[in-house]
Amino acid sequence: MDDQKEKDKVLAKASMWVSSRRAKAVAKGPEKERAQSRHHQDGNELAEAVEKLEKSFLQGST
């Protein structure tokens, strides 16, 4: 995957993480647990996308 696609993927994952953070903040009752779980999952996906982008940068700079 080229660098721009990797950057776009990180941006999309970050946007999803922000949305899930907002949803978690306003969720009530049983919905709160689901929102917390979704936010955690989005955070993991964002971290993986950032790691791939970092790896891509490191490989490109050698």
C-alpha atoms as a PDB file:
ATOM      1  CA  MET A   1       0.000   0.000   0.000  1.00  0.00           C
ATOM      2  CA  ASP A   2       1.387   3.434  -0.805  1.00  0.00           C
ATOM      3  CA  ASP A   3       2.021   6.075   1.836  1.00  0.00           C
ATOM      4  CA  GLN A   4      -1.012   8.196   0.973  1.00  0.00           C
ATOM      5  CA  LYS A   5      -3.382   5.242   1.378  1.00  0.00           C
ATOM      6  CA  GLU A   6      -1.771   4.451   4.744  1.00  0.00           C
ATOM      7  CA  LYS A   7      -2.169   8.081   5.846  1.00  0.00           C
ATOM      8  CA  ASP A   8      -5.802   8.112   4.731  1.00  0.00           C
ATOM      9  CA  LYS A   9      -6.444   4.901   6.654  1.00  0.00           C
ATOM     10  CA  VAL A  10      -4.959   6.380   9.837  1.00  0.00           C
ATOM     11  CA  LEU A  11      -7.101   9.489   9.422  1.00  0.00           C
ATOM     12  CA  ALA A  12     -10.237   7.384   8.922  1.00  0.00           C
ATOM     13  CA  LYS A  13      -9.448   5.265  11.988  1.00  0.00           C
ATOM     14  CA  ALA A  14      -8.783   8.401  14.044  1.00  0.00           C
ATOM     15  CA  SER A  15     -12.128   9.822  12.968  1.00  0.00           C
ATOM     16  CA  MET A  16     -13.887   6.605  13.997  1.00  0.00           C
ATOM     17  CA  TRP A  17     -12.103   6.712  17.363  1.00  0.00           C
ATOM     18  CA  VAL A  18     -13.238  10.301  17.986  1.00  0.00           C
ATOM     19  CA  SER A  19     -16.823   9.388  17.081  1.00  0.00           C
ATOM     20  CA  SER A  20     -16.801   6.413  19.407  1.00  0.00           C
ATOM     21  CA  ARG A  21     -15.340   8.568  22.197  1.00  0.00           C
ATOM     22  CA  ARG A  22     -18.234  10.983  21.791  1.00  0.00           C
ATOM     23  CA  ALA A  23     -20.737   8.125  21.746  1.00  0.00           C
ATOM     24  CA  LYS A  24     -19.193   6.672  24.903  1.00  0.00           C
ATOM     25  CA  ALA A  25     -19.451  10.024  26.659  1.00  0.00           C
ATOM     26  CA  VAL A  26     -23.204  10.365  26.073  1.00  0.00           C
ATOM     27  CA  ALA A  27     -24.234   6.709  26.353  1.00  0.00           C
ATOM     28  CA  LYS A  28     -26.442   5.657  29.258  1.00  0.00           C
ATOM     29  CA  GLY A  29     -27.370   2.336  30.789  1.00  0.00           C
ATOM     30  CA  PRO A  30     -26.669  -0.855  28.850  1.00  0.00           C
ATOM     31  CA  GLU A  31     -25.640   1.162  25.801  1.00  0.00           C
ATOM     32  CA  LYS A  32     -22.671   2.569  27.758  1.00  0.00           C
ATOM     33  CA  GLU A  33     -20.929  -0.814  27.995  1.00  0.00           C
ATOM     34  CA  ARG A  34     -21.306  -1.386  24.268  1.00  0.00           C
ATOM     35  CA  ALA A  35     -20.009   2.124  23.524  1.00  0.00           C
ATOM     36  CA  GLN A  36     -16.996   1.553  25.791  1.00  0.00           C
ATOM     37  CA  SER A  37     -16.230  -1.708  24.038  1.00  0.00           C
ATOM     38  CA  ARG A  38     -16.542  -0.068  20.606  1.00  0.00           C
ATOM     39  CA  HIS A  39     -14.262   2.780  21.695  1.00  0.00           C
ATOM     40  CA  HIS A  40     -11.662   0.284  22.912  1.00  0.00           C
ATOM     41  CA  GLN A  41     -11.848  -1.622  19.607  1.00  0.00           C
ATOM     42  CA  ASP A  42     -11.535   1.598  17.602  1.00  0.00           C
ATOM     43  CA  GLY A  43      -8.473   2.527  19.662  1.00  0.00           C
ATOM     44  CA  ASN A  44      -6.854  -0.819  18.892  1.00  0.00           C
ATOM     45  CA  GLU A  45      -7.571  -0.412  15.176  1.00  0.00           C
ATOM     46  CA  LEU A  46      -6.144   3.111  15.222  1.00  0.00           C
ATOM     47  CA  ALA A  47      -2.987   1.898  16.957  1.00  0.00           C
ATOM     48  CA  GLU A  48      -2.520  -0.860  14.364  1.00  0.00           C
ATOM     49  CA  ALA A  49      -2.957   1.604  11.497  1.00  0.00           C
ATOM     50  CA  VAL A  50      -0.414   3.989  13.058  1.00  0.00           C
ATOM     51  CA  GLU A  51       2.060   1.143  13.526  1.00  0.00           C
ATOM     52  CA  LYS A  52       1.720   0.169   9.855  1.00  0.00           C
ATOM     53  CA  LEU A  53       2.258   3.771   8.789  1.00  0.00           C
ATOM     54  CA  GLU A  54       5.341   4.077  11.027  1.00  0.00           C
ATOM     55  CA  LYS A  55       6.722   0.841   9.598  1.00  0.00           C
ATOM     56  CA  SER A  56       6.123   2.149   6.094  1.00  0.00           C
ATOM     57  CA  PHE A  57       8.010   5.359   6.893  1.00  0.00           C
ATOM     58  CA  LEU A  58      10.913   3.450   8.426  1.00  0.00           C
ATOM     59  CA  GLN A  59      11.205   1.157   5.422  1.00  0.00           C
ATOM     60  CA  GLY A  60      11.091   4.119   3.063  1.00  0.00           C
ATOM     61  CA  SER A  61      13.851   5.997   4.889  1.00  0.00           C
ATOM     62  CA  THR A  62      16.431   3.217   4.708  1.00  0.00           C
END
